[in-house]
Amino acid sequence: MGGSEGRVIVFNGASSSGKSTVAAAFQRSRIEPWLHVSIDTFYAMLPQRFHDDLGLLRGLLAPSLCRCAAELARRGGLVLLDTVLLEQSWYDDCRDALAGLPVLWVGVHCRIEEAERRESRRPDRLAGFARYQIPRVHAHRGLAYDIEIDTSLLEPEAAAREVGRAIPALSRSAGDCCQP
């Protein structure tokens, strides 16, 4: 790290789809120091009283997340970007921020019933997040995945192995796979 250009693996999926769990399993399976940059971490930076402020989410957190991941990669970091690209503009901004970097786009899917079960067990989630997000996060114009995983069918370690097998696709840049 530090001298050469890094790489980014983007995990895009709805809330409670298993992105963070797969990213953690991927980290455990690798000898390289992959950095986990998560929308949940960015969201947790806000004081609780601002958690309903969609303006902060739209205007600051969502675009800054991808830019932070891109900067880490440009400085040589190996980055696991765990995000919920809920709006077209969020995807567009993320794609633009990662342009020129080697990026692997991973679509993280989960059956709605399983996502809702997971959601109900998490104190930091409101009921309905997953149901609202599932039809939206993968529907952006120009979004193409290098690999798609279904965490309701795969255990985290198996999903992480699938992602690891797709790493040769990292040789191309973000702009090569995802056109506006």
N, C-alpha and C. Protein backbone atom coordinates (compact mmCIF):
# COMPACT_ATOMS: atom_id res chain seq x y z
N MET A 1 0.84 -1.19 0.00
CA MET A 1 0.00 0.00 0.00
C MET A 1 0.88 1.24 0.00
N GLY A 2 0.32 2.33 -0.50
CA GLY A 2 1.00 3.60 -0.45
C GLY A 2 1.59 4.04 -1.76
N GLY A 3 2.34 3.20 -2.46
CA GLY A 3 3.03 3.61 -3.65
C GLY A 3 2.27 3.38 -4.93
N SER A 4 1.57 2.29 -5.03
CA SER A 4 0.89 1.98 -6.28
C SER A 4 -0.61 2.19 -6.14
N GLU A 5 -1.27 2.22 -7.30
CA GLU A 5 -2.72 2.38 -7.30
C GLU A 5 -3.38 1.17 -6.67
N GLY A 6 -4.36 1.43 -5.84
CA GLY A 6 -5.09 0.35 -5.19
C GLY A 6 -6.22 -0.17 -6.06
N ARG A 7 -7.12 -0.87 -5.42
CA ARG A 7 -8.28 -1.47 -6.09
C ARG A 7 -9.50 -1.29 -5.21
N VAL A 8 -10.67 -1.37 -5.85
CA VAL A 8 -11.93 -1.21 -5.12
C VAL A 8 -12.88 -2.34 -5.51
N ILE A 9 -13.49 -2.93 -4.50
CA ILE A 9 -14.60 -3.86 -4.72
C ILE A 9 -15.83 -3.17 -4.15
N VAL A 10 -16.81 -2.89 -5.01
CA VAL A 10 -18.05 -2.24 -4.59
C VAL A 10 -19.09 -3.30 -4.32
N PHE A 11 -19.59 -3.34 -3.09
CA PHE A 11 -20.71 -4.20 -2.71
C PHE A 11 -21.94 -3.31 -2.67
N ASN A 12 -22.85 -3.46 -3.63
CA ASN A 12 -24.07 -2.68 -3.65
C ASN A 12 -25.26 -3.59 -3.40
N GLY A 13 -26.07 -3.22 -2.42
CA GLY A 13 -27.26 -3.99 -2.11
C GLY A 13 -28.10 -3.27 -1.08
N ALA A 14 -29.30 -3.75 -0.88
CA ALA A 14 -30.22 -3.16 0.07
C ALA A 14 -29.74 -3.36 1.50
N SER A 15 -30.33 -2.61 2.38
CA SER A 15 -30.09 -2.76 3.81
C SER A 15 -30.39 -4.20 4.21
N SER A 16 -29.57 -4.78 5.06
CA SER A 16 -29.72 -6.14 5.58
C SER A 16 -29.57 -7.23 4.53
N SER A 17 -28.97 -6.89 3.38
CA SER A 17 -28.76 -7.91 2.34
C SER A 17 -27.51 -8.75 2.58
N GLY A 18 -26.65 -8.32 3.49
CA GLY A 18 -25.46 -9.10 3.81
C GLY A 18 -24.15 -8.51 3.31
N LYS A 19 -24.15 -7.28 2.86
CA LYS A 19 -22.94 -6.66 2.32
C LYS A 19 -21.80 -6.64 3.34
N SER A 20 -22.08 -6.15 4.53
CA SER A 20 -21.05 -6.03 5.56
C SER A 20 -20.54 -7.40 6.00
N THR A 21 -21.43 -8.36 6.10
CA THR A 21 -21.05 -9.70 6.52
C THR A 21 -20.15 -10.36 5.48
N VAL A 22 -20.48 -10.20 4.20
CA VAL A 22 -19.64 -10.75 3.13
C VAL A 22 -18.30 -10.01 3.08
N ALA A 23 -18.32 -8.69 3.25
CA ALA A 23 -17.07 -7.93 3.26
C ALA A 23 -16.15 -8.40 4.39
N ALA A 24 -16.72 -8.64 5.57
CA ALA A 24 -15.92 -9.12 6.71
C ALA A 24 -15.36 -10.51 6.42
N ALA A 25 -16.16 -11.38 5.83
CA ALA A 25 -15.69 -12.73 5.47
C ALA A 25 -14.59 -12.63 4.42
N PHE A 26 -14.72 -11.71 3.49
CA PHE A 26 -13.69 -11.51 2.47
C PHE A 26 -12.39 -11.05 3.13
N GLN A 27 -12.48 -10.09 4.05
CA GLN A 27 -11.28 -9.63 4.75
C GLN A 27 -10.57 -10.79 5.47
N ARG A 28 -11.34 -11.63 6.14
CA ARG A 28 -10.75 -12.76 6.87
C ARG A 28 -10.07 -13.75 5.94
N SER A 29 -10.55 -13.84 4.70
CA SER A 29 -10.03 -14.84 3.77
C SER A 29 -8.79 -14.38 3.00
N ARG A 30 -8.40 -13.14 3.14
CA ARG A 30 -7.32 -12.58 2.34
C ARG A 30 -6.09 -12.31 3.19
N ILE A 31 -4.93 -12.37 2.57
CA ILE A 31 -3.72 -12.00 3.30
C ILE A 31 -3.44 -10.51 3.17
N GLU A 32 -4.00 -9.85 2.14
CA GLU A 32 -3.80 -8.43 1.95
C GLU A 32 -4.71 -7.63 2.90
N PRO A 33 -4.30 -6.41 3.25
CA PRO A 33 -5.10 -5.59 4.17
C PRO A 33 -6.21 -4.81 3.47
N TRP A 34 -7.32 -5.45 3.20
CA TRP A 34 -8.46 -4.79 2.57
C TRP A 34 -9.17 -3.90 3.60
N LEU A 35 -9.43 -2.66 3.23
CA LEU A 35 -10.11 -1.69 4.09
C LEU A 35 -11.62 -1.73 3.82
N HIS A 36 -12.41 -1.82 4.88
CA HIS A 36 -13.86 -1.88 4.73
C HIS A 36 -14.44 -0.49 4.95
N VAL A 37 -14.89 0.15 3.88
CA VAL A 37 -15.49 1.48 3.93
C VAL A 37 -16.99 1.28 3.77
N SER A 38 -17.75 1.60 4.81
CA SER A 38 -19.17 1.25 4.85
C SER A 38 -20.07 2.46 5.01
N ILE A 39 -21.19 2.44 4.32
CA ILE A 39 -22.21 3.48 4.50
C ILE A 39 -22.69 3.51 5.95
N ASP A 40 -22.74 2.36 6.60
CA ASP A 40 -23.16 2.32 8.00
C ASP A 40 -22.21 3.12 8.89
N THR A 41 -20.91 3.04 8.61
CA THR A 41 -19.92 3.79 9.38
C THR A 41 -20.11 5.28 9.17
N PHE A 42 -20.34 5.68 7.93
CA PHE A 42 -20.56 7.10 7.64
C PHE A 42 -21.84 7.59 8.32
N TYR A 43 -22.89 6.80 8.26
CA TYR A 43 -24.16 7.16 8.88
C TYR A 43 -24.00 7.28 10.40
N ALA A 44 -23.21 6.41 10.99
CA ALA A 44 -23.01 6.42 12.44
C ALA A 44 -22.22 7.64 12.91
N MET A 45 -21.57 8.34 11.98
CA MET A 45 -20.85 9.56 12.36
C MET A 45 -21.81 10.67 12.77
N LEU A 46 -23.05 10.60 12.29
CA LEU A 46 -24.05 11.62 12.62
C LEU A 46 -24.59 11.41 14.03
N PRO A 47 -24.82 12.49 14.75
CA PRO A 47 -25.54 12.34 16.02
C PRO A 47 -26.93 11.76 15.74
N GLN A 48 -27.44 11.00 16.66
CA GLN A 48 -28.72 10.30 16.50
C GLN A 48 -29.83 11.24 16.03
N ARG A 49 -29.86 12.45 16.52
CA ARG A 49 -30.96 13.37 16.19
C ARG A 49 -31.00 13.76 14.72
N PHE A 50 -29.92 13.47 13.97
CA PHE A 50 -29.87 13.79 12.54
C PHE A 50 -30.08 12.58 11.64
N HIS A 51 -30.38 11.42 12.21
CA HIS A 51 -30.51 10.20 11.42
C HIS A 51 -31.67 10.22 10.44
N ASP A 52 -32.62 11.11 10.65
CA ASP A 52 -33.75 11.23 9.71
C ASP A 52 -33.55 12.35 8.70
N ASP A 53 -32.41 13.00 8.72
CA ASP A 53 -32.14 14.13 7.82
C ASP A 53 -31.66 13.62 6.46
N LEU A 54 -32.60 13.46 5.54
CA LEU A 54 -32.26 12.94 4.21
C LEU A 54 -31.36 13.90 3.44
N GLY A 55 -31.43 15.17 3.74
CA GLY A 55 -30.55 16.14 3.08
C GLY A 55 -29.08 15.85 3.37
N LEU A 56 -28.77 15.52 4.62
CA LEU A 56 -27.39 15.16 4.97
C LEU A 56 -26.96 13.87 4.28
N LEU A 57 -27.88 12.90 4.22
CA LEU A 57 -27.57 11.64 3.55
C LEU A 57 -27.32 11.88 2.06
N ARG A 58 -28.24 12.60 1.43
CA ARG A 58 -28.13 12.84 -0.02
C ARG A 58 -26.98 13.77 -0.38
N GLY A 59 -26.82 14.84 0.37
CA GLY A 59 -25.87 15.88 -0.01
C GLY A 59 -24.46 15.68 0.49
N LEU A 60 -24.30 14.94 1.58
CA LEU A 60 -22.97 14.81 2.19
C LEU A 60 -22.49 13.36 2.27
N LEU A 61 -23.24 12.52 2.93
CA LEU A 61 -22.74 11.18 3.22
C LEU A 61 -22.62 10.29 1.99
N ALA A 62 -23.68 10.20 1.19
CA ALA A 62 -23.65 9.30 0.02
C ALA A 62 -22.53 9.66 -0.95
N PRO A 63 -22.40 10.93 -1.36
CA PRO A 63 -21.31 11.24 -2.30
C PRO A 63 -19.93 11.15 -1.65
N SER A 64 -19.81 11.48 -0.38
CA SER A 64 -18.50 11.45 0.29
C SER A 64 -17.99 10.03 0.47
N LEU A 65 -18.90 9.07 0.65
CA LEU A 65 -18.50 7.68 0.84
C LEU A 65 -17.67 7.19 -0.34
N CYS A 66 -18.18 7.36 -1.55
CA CYS A 66 -17.46 6.88 -2.74
C CYS A 66 -16.19 7.67 -2.98
N ARG A 67 -16.22 8.95 -2.70
CA ARG A 67 -15.01 9.77 -2.88
C ARG A 67 -13.93 9.37 -1.89
N CYS A 68 -14.32 9.04 -0.67
CA CYS A 68 -13.37 8.56 0.33
C CYS A 68 -12.74 7.25 -0.12
N ALA A 69 -13.57 6.32 -0.58
CA ALA A 69 -13.06 5.03 -1.06
C ALA A 69 -12.11 5.24 -2.24
N ALA A 70 -12.46 6.14 -3.15
CA ALA A 70 -11.61 6.41 -4.31
C ALA A 70 -10.27 6.98 -3.88
N GLU A 71 -10.28 7.90 -2.94
CA GLU A 71 -9.03 8.50 -2.47
C GLU A 71 -8.14 7.45 -1.80
N LEU A 72 -8.73 6.58 -0.99
CA LEU A 72 -7.96 5.50 -0.38
C LEU A 72 -7.30 4.63 -1.44
N ALA A 73 -8.05 4.29 -2.48
CA ALA A 73 -7.51 3.45 -3.56
C ALA A 73 -6.43 4.20 -4.34
N ARG A 74 -6.62 5.47 -4.58
CA ARG A 74 -5.61 6.24 -5.32
C ARG A 74 -4.30 6.35 -4.53
N ARG A 75 -4.38 6.18 -3.24
CA ARG A 75 -3.18 6.19 -2.40
C ARG A 75 -2.63 4.78 -2.17
N GLY A 76 -3.19 3.81 -2.91
CA GLY A 76 -2.68 2.45 -2.84
C GLY A 76 -3.49 1.48 -2.02
N GLY A 77 -4.60 1.93 -1.46
CA GLY A 77 -5.41 1.07 -0.61
C GLY A 77 -6.22 0.05 -1.39
N LEU A 78 -6.45 -1.06 -0.75
CA LEU A 78 -7.36 -2.10 -1.24
C LEU A 78 -8.66 -1.88 -0.49
N VAL A 79 -9.73 -1.53 -1.21
CA VAL A 79 -10.93 -1.03 -0.57
C VAL A 79 -12.15 -1.89 -0.87
N LEU A 80 -12.88 -2.23 0.17
CA LEU A 80 -14.18 -2.88 0.06
C LEU A 80 -15.21 -1.79 0.35
N LEU A 81 -15.89 -1.34 -0.69
CA LEU A 81 -16.88 -0.27 -0.55
C LEU A 81 -18.25 -0.89 -0.39
N ASP A 82 -18.83 -0.74 0.78
CA ASP A 82 -20.09 -1.34 1.19
C ASP A 82 -21.14 -0.23 1.16
N THR A 83 -22.01 -0.25 0.14
CA THR A 83 -22.90 0.88 -0.06
C THR A 83 -24.30 0.46 -0.47
N VAL A 84 -25.21 1.42 -0.38
CA VAL A 84 -26.59 1.27 -0.84
C VAL A 84 -26.80 2.39 -1.86
N LEU A 85 -26.64 2.06 -3.13
CA LEU A 85 -26.81 3.07 -4.19
C LEU A 85 -28.30 3.21 -4.47
N LEU A 86 -28.96 3.97 -3.62
CA LEU A 86 -30.41 4.04 -3.61
C LEU A 86 -30.97 4.89 -4.74
N GLU A 87 -30.24 5.88 -5.16
CA GLU A 87 -30.73 6.80 -6.19
C GLU A 87 -29.79 6.80 -7.39
N GLN A 88 -30.32 7.12 -8.55
CA GLN A 88 -29.50 7.19 -9.76
C GLN A 88 -28.33 8.14 -9.57
N SER A 89 -28.57 9.29 -8.96
CA SER A 89 -27.50 10.27 -8.76
C SER A 89 -26.39 9.72 -7.85
N TRP A 90 -26.74 8.86 -6.89
CA TRP A 90 -25.73 8.26 -6.03
C TRP A 90 -24.85 7.32 -6.84
N TYR A 91 -25.49 6.54 -7.70
CA TYR A 91 -24.71 5.64 -8.56
C TYR A 91 -23.83 6.45 -9.50
N ASP A 92 -24.38 7.47 -10.14
CA ASP A 92 -23.61 8.29 -11.08
C ASP A 92 -22.40 8.90 -10.39
N ASP A 93 -22.61 9.44 -9.19
CA ASP A 93 -21.52 10.06 -8.45
C ASP A 93 -20.46 9.03 -8.07
N CYS A 94 -20.90 7.85 -7.67
CA CYS A 94 -19.97 6.79 -7.29
C CYS A 94 -19.14 6.34 -8.49
N ARG A 95 -19.81 6.11 -9.60
CA ARG A 95 -19.12 5.71 -10.84
C ARG A 95 -18.09 6.77 -11.22
N ASP A 96 -18.46 8.04 -11.15
CA ASP A 96 -17.54 9.12 -11.52
C ASP A 96 -16.36 9.20 -10.55
N ALA A 97 -16.63 9.04 -9.25
CA ALA A 97 -15.56 9.10 -8.25
C ALA A 97 -14.53 7.99 -8.46
N LEU A 98 -15.00 6.81 -8.90
CA LEU A 98 -14.12 5.66 -9.06
C LEU A 98 -13.51 5.55 -10.47
N ALA A 99 -13.85 6.48 -11.34
CA ALA A 99 -13.35 6.43 -12.72
C ALA A 99 -11.83 6.36 -12.74
N GLY A 100 -11.32 5.47 -13.58
CA GLY A 100 -9.89 5.29 -13.74
C GLY A 100 -9.25 4.31 -12.78
N LEU A 101 -10.00 3.85 -11.79
CA LEU A 101 -9.49 2.88 -10.83
C LEU A 101 -9.93 1.47 -11.22
N PRO A 102 -9.15 0.47 -10.84
CA PRO A 102 -9.61 -0.91 -11.02
C PRO A 102 -10.75 -1.20 -10.03
N VAL A 103 -11.91 -1.50 -10.56
CA VAL A 103 -13.11 -1.69 -9.73
C VAL A 103 -13.81 -2.98 -10.10
N LEU A 104 -14.23 -3.72 -9.09
CA LEU A 104 -15.08 -4.90 -9.27
C LEU A 104 -16.44 -4.55 -8.67
N TRP A 105 -17.48 -4.60 -9.50
CA TRP A 105 -18.83 -4.27 -9.06
C TRP A 105 -19.55 -5.56 -8.68
N VAL A 106 -20.00 -5.63 -7.41
CA VAL A 106 -20.68 -6.81 -6.88
C VAL A 106 -22.11 -6.43 -6.50
N GLY A 107 -23.07 -7.07 -7.14
CA GLY A 107 -24.47 -6.90 -6.76
C GLY A 107 -24.80 -7.88 -5.66
N VAL A 108 -25.23 -7.38 -4.51
CA VAL A 108 -25.56 -8.23 -3.37
C VAL A 108 -27.08 -8.30 -3.27
N HIS A 109 -27.61 -9.50 -3.48
CA HIS A 109 -29.05 -9.74 -3.46
C HIS A 109 -29.41 -10.60 -2.25
N CYS A 110 -30.67 -10.51 -1.87
CA CYS A 110 -31.19 -11.32 -0.77
C CYS A 110 -32.71 -11.36 -0.91
N ARG A 111 -33.29 -12.54 -0.70
CA ARG A 111 -34.75 -12.64 -0.75
C ARG A 111 -35.36 -11.69 0.29
N ILE A 112 -36.46 -11.06 -0.08
CA ILE A 112 -37.09 -10.07 0.80
C ILE A 112 -37.42 -10.64 2.17
N GLU A 113 -37.88 -11.89 2.22
CA GLU A 113 -38.24 -12.49 3.51
C GLU A 113 -37.02 -12.61 4.42
N GLU A 114 -35.89 -13.00 3.84
CA GLU A 114 -34.66 -13.13 4.62
C GLU A 114 -34.15 -11.76 5.05
N ALA A 115 -34.18 -10.79 4.16
CA ALA A 115 -33.73 -9.44 4.49
C ALA A 115 -34.59 -8.86 5.63
N GLU A 116 -35.88 -9.09 5.56
CA GLU A 116 -36.77 -8.59 6.62
C GLU A 116 -36.51 -9.31 7.95
N ARG A 117 -36.21 -10.60 7.89
CA ARG A 117 -35.87 -11.33 9.12
C ARG A 117 -34.60 -10.74 9.74
N ARG A 118 -33.59 -10.51 8.92
CA ARG A 118 -32.34 -9.90 9.42
C ARG A 118 -32.60 -8.51 9.97
N GLU A 119 -33.38 -7.74 9.23
CA GLU A 119 -33.70 -6.37 9.63
C GLU A 119 -34.36 -6.34 11.00
N SER A 120 -35.27 -7.29 11.26
CA SER A 120 -36.00 -7.31 12.53
C SER A 120 -35.08 -7.60 13.71
N ARG A 121 -33.93 -8.20 13.45
CA ARG A 121 -32.98 -8.54 14.51
C ARG A 121 -31.96 -7.44 14.77
N ARG A 122 -32.02 -6.38 13.96
CA ARG A 122 -31.02 -5.31 14.08
C ARG A 122 -31.65 -4.08 14.74
N PRO A 123 -31.10 -3.65 15.86
CA PRO A 123 -31.68 -2.49 16.55
C PRO A 123 -31.48 -1.18 15.79
N ASP A 124 -30.54 -1.16 14.85
CA ASP A 124 -30.26 0.07 14.10
C ASP A 124 -31.06 0.17 12.80
N ARG A 125 -32.04 -0.69 12.60
CA ARG A 125 -32.83 -0.69 11.37
C ARG A 125 -34.31 -0.50 11.68
N LEU A 126 -34.96 0.28 10.86
CA LEU A 126 -36.41 0.44 10.95
C LEU A 126 -37.05 -0.59 10.04
N ALA A 127 -38.16 -1.12 10.46
CA ALA A 127 -38.90 -2.07 9.62
C ALA A 127 -39.27 -1.38 8.31
N GLY A 128 -39.02 -2.07 7.21
CA GLY A 128 -39.38 -1.55 5.90
C GLY A 128 -38.21 -1.04 5.07
N PHE A 129 -37.03 -0.84 5.69
CA PHE A 129 -35.85 -0.39 4.93
C PHE A 129 -35.59 -1.31 3.76
N ALA A 130 -35.44 -2.59 4.03
CA ALA A 130 -35.09 -3.56 2.99
C ALA A 130 -36.16 -3.63 1.90
N ARG A 131 -37.41 -3.69 2.30
CA ARG A 131 -38.51 -3.78 1.33
C ARG A 131 -38.51 -2.57 0.40
N TYR A 132 -38.26 -1.40 0.94
CA TYR A 132 -38.21 -0.19 0.13
C TYR A 132 -37.00 -0.18 -0.81
N GLN A 133 -35.86 -0.63 -0.32
CA GLN A 133 -34.61 -0.51 -1.06
C GLN A 133 -34.40 -1.59 -2.12
N ILE A 134 -34.85 -2.81 -1.87
CA ILE A 134 -34.55 -3.93 -2.77
C ILE A 134 -34.90 -3.64 -4.24
N PRO A 135 -36.07 -3.11 -4.55
CA PRO A 135 -36.34 -2.88 -5.99
C PRO A 135 -35.60 -1.67 -6.56
N ARG A 136 -34.94 -0.88 -5.74
CA ARG A 136 -34.31 0.36 -6.21
C ARG A 136 -32.80 0.28 -6.39
N VAL A 137 -32.09 -0.43 -5.52
CA VAL A 137 -30.63 -0.35 -5.50
C VAL A 137 -29.94 -0.92 -6.74
N HIS A 138 -30.59 -1.82 -7.45
CA HIS A 138 -29.97 -2.45 -8.62
C HIS A 138 -30.56 -1.94 -9.94
N ALA A 139 -31.43 -0.93 -9.89
CA ALA A 139 -32.20 -0.52 -11.06
C ALA A 139 -31.65 0.70 -11.79
N HIS A 140 -30.40 1.05 -11.58
CA HIS A 140 -29.88 2.29 -12.16
C HIS A 140 -29.44 2.12 -13.61
N ARG A 141 -29.72 3.12 -14.39
CA ARG A 141 -29.30 3.17 -15.79
C ARG A 141 -27.77 3.10 -15.83
N GLY A 142 -27.24 2.15 -16.59
CA GLY A 142 -25.79 2.02 -16.76
C GLY A 142 -25.10 1.10 -15.77
N LEU A 143 -25.80 0.68 -14.73
CA LEU A 143 -25.17 -0.18 -13.73
C LEU A 143 -25.06 -1.60 -14.25
N ALA A 144 -23.84 -2.12 -14.29
CA ALA A 144 -23.58 -3.50 -14.71
C ALA A 144 -22.64 -4.12 -13.69
N TYR A 145 -22.98 -5.30 -13.22
CA TYR A 145 -22.15 -5.96 -12.23
C TYR A 145 -21.19 -6.94 -12.88
N ASP A 146 -20.01 -7.07 -12.26
CA ASP A 146 -19.06 -8.09 -12.67
C ASP A 146 -19.47 -9.44 -12.10
N ILE A 147 -20.10 -9.40 -10.94
CA ILE A 147 -20.57 -10.61 -10.26
C ILE A 147 -21.78 -10.24 -9.41
N GLU A 148 -22.70 -11.19 -9.29
CA GLU A 148 -23.86 -11.01 -8.42
C GLU A 148 -23.94 -12.21 -7.49
N ILE A 149 -24.21 -11.92 -6.23
CA ILE A 149 -24.31 -12.97 -5.22
C ILE A 149 -25.66 -12.85 -4.51
N ASP A 150 -26.19 -13.97 -4.07
CA ASP A 150 -27.44 -13.99 -3.32
C ASP A 150 -27.12 -14.55 -1.93
N THR A 151 -27.14 -13.67 -0.94
CA THR A 151 -26.76 -14.08 0.41
C THR A 151 -27.85 -14.88 1.12
N SER A 152 -29.02 -15.00 0.51
CA SER A 152 -30.01 -15.89 1.10
C SER A 152 -29.75 -17.33 0.67
N LEU A 153 -28.86 -17.51 -0.32
CA LEU A 153 -28.49 -18.85 -0.79
C LEU A 153 -27.06 -19.25 -0.41
N LEU A 154 -26.19 -18.26 -0.24
CA LEU A 154 -24.77 -18.52 0.05
C LEU A 154 -24.41 -18.08 1.47
N GLU A 155 -23.66 -18.90 2.16
CA GLU A 155 -23.08 -18.50 3.44
C GLU A 155 -22.04 -17.40 3.16
N PRO A 156 -21.74 -16.54 4.14
CA PRO A 156 -20.79 -15.45 3.90
C PRO A 156 -19.44 -15.89 3.34
N GLU A 157 -18.90 -16.99 3.86
CA GLU A 157 -17.59 -17.46 3.39
C GLU A 157 -17.65 -17.90 1.93
N ALA A 158 -18.73 -18.56 1.54
CA ALA A 158 -18.90 -18.98 0.15
C ALA A 158 -19.07 -17.77 -0.76
N ALA A 159 -19.82 -16.78 -0.31
CA ALA A 159 -19.98 -15.56 -1.09
C ALA A 159 -18.64 -14.85 -1.24
N ALA A 160 -17.86 -14.81 -0.17
CA ALA A 160 -16.54 -14.18 -0.22
C ALA A 160 -15.63 -14.91 -1.21
N ARG A 161 -15.71 -16.24 -1.25
CA ARG A 161 -14.91 -17.00 -2.23
C ARG A 161 -15.32 -16.65 -3.65
N GLU A 162 -16.62 -16.50 -3.90
CA GLU A 162 -17.11 -16.11 -5.23
C GLU A 162 -16.53 -14.75 -5.63
N VAL A 163 -16.53 -13.82 -4.70
CA VAL A 163 -15.96 -12.50 -4.97
C VAL A 163 -14.47 -12.63 -5.24
N GLY A 164 -13.78 -13.43 -4.46
CA GLY A 164 -12.35 -13.64 -4.67
C GLY A 164 -12.04 -14.21 -6.04
N ARG A 165 -12.87 -15.13 -6.50
CA ARG A 165 -12.66 -15.70 -7.84
C ARG A 165 -12.87 -14.66 -8.95
N ALA A 166 -13.61 -13.60 -8.66
CA ALA A 166 -13.88 -12.57 -9.67
C ALA A 166 -12.81 -11.47 -9.69
N ILE A 167 -11.85 -11.54 -8.80
CA ILE A 167 -10.84 -10.48 -8.71
C ILE A 167 -10.10 -10.22 -10.03
N PRO A 168 -9.86 -11.20 -10.89
CA PRO A 168 -9.20 -10.86 -12.16
C PRO A 168 -9.93 -9.78 -12.96
N ALA A 169 -11.22 -9.59 -12.75
CA ALA A 169 -11.96 -8.53 -13.44
C ALA A 169 -11.55 -7.14 -12.95
N LEU A 170 -10.79 -7.07 -11.87
CA LEU A 170 -10.32 -5.78 -11.35
C LEU A 170 -9.32 -5.10 -12.26
N SER A 171 -8.90 -5.73 -13.32
CA SER A 171 -7.90 -5.13 -14.19
C SER A 171 -8.47 -3.98 -15.01
N ARG A 172 -9.80 -3.88 -15.06
CA ARG A 172 -10.36 -2.76 -15.82
C ARG A 172 -10.82 -1.67 -14.85
N SER A 173 -11.02 -0.48 -15.37
CA SER A 173 -11.39 0.65 -14.52
C SER A 173 -12.90 0.75 -14.39
N ALA A 174 -13.34 1.59 -13.45
CA ALA A 174 -14.77 1.78 -13.18
C ALA A 174 -15.50 2.22 -14.44
N GLY A 175 -14.91 3.05 -15.23
CA GLY A 175 -15.56 3.55 -16.43
C GLY A 175 -15.70 2.51 -17.51
N ASP A 176 -14.90 1.44 -17.47
CA ASP A 176 -14.97 0.41 -18.50
C ASP A 176 -16.20 -0.48 -18.38
N CYS A 177 -16.70 -0.65 -17.15
CA CYS A 177 -17.82 -1.59 -16.98
C CYS A 177 -19.16 -0.90 -16.85
N CYS A 178 -19.15 0.32 -16.49
CA CYS A 178 -20.43 0.97 -16.15
C CYS A 178 -20.56 2.28 -16.89
N GLN A 179 -21.30 2.28 -17.95
CA GLN A 179 -21.43 3.47 -18.78
C GLN A 179 -22.61 4.33 -18.32
N PRO A 180 -22.49 5.66 -18.44
CA PRO A 180 -23.59 6.54 -18.05
C PRO A 180 -24.79 6.38 -18.97
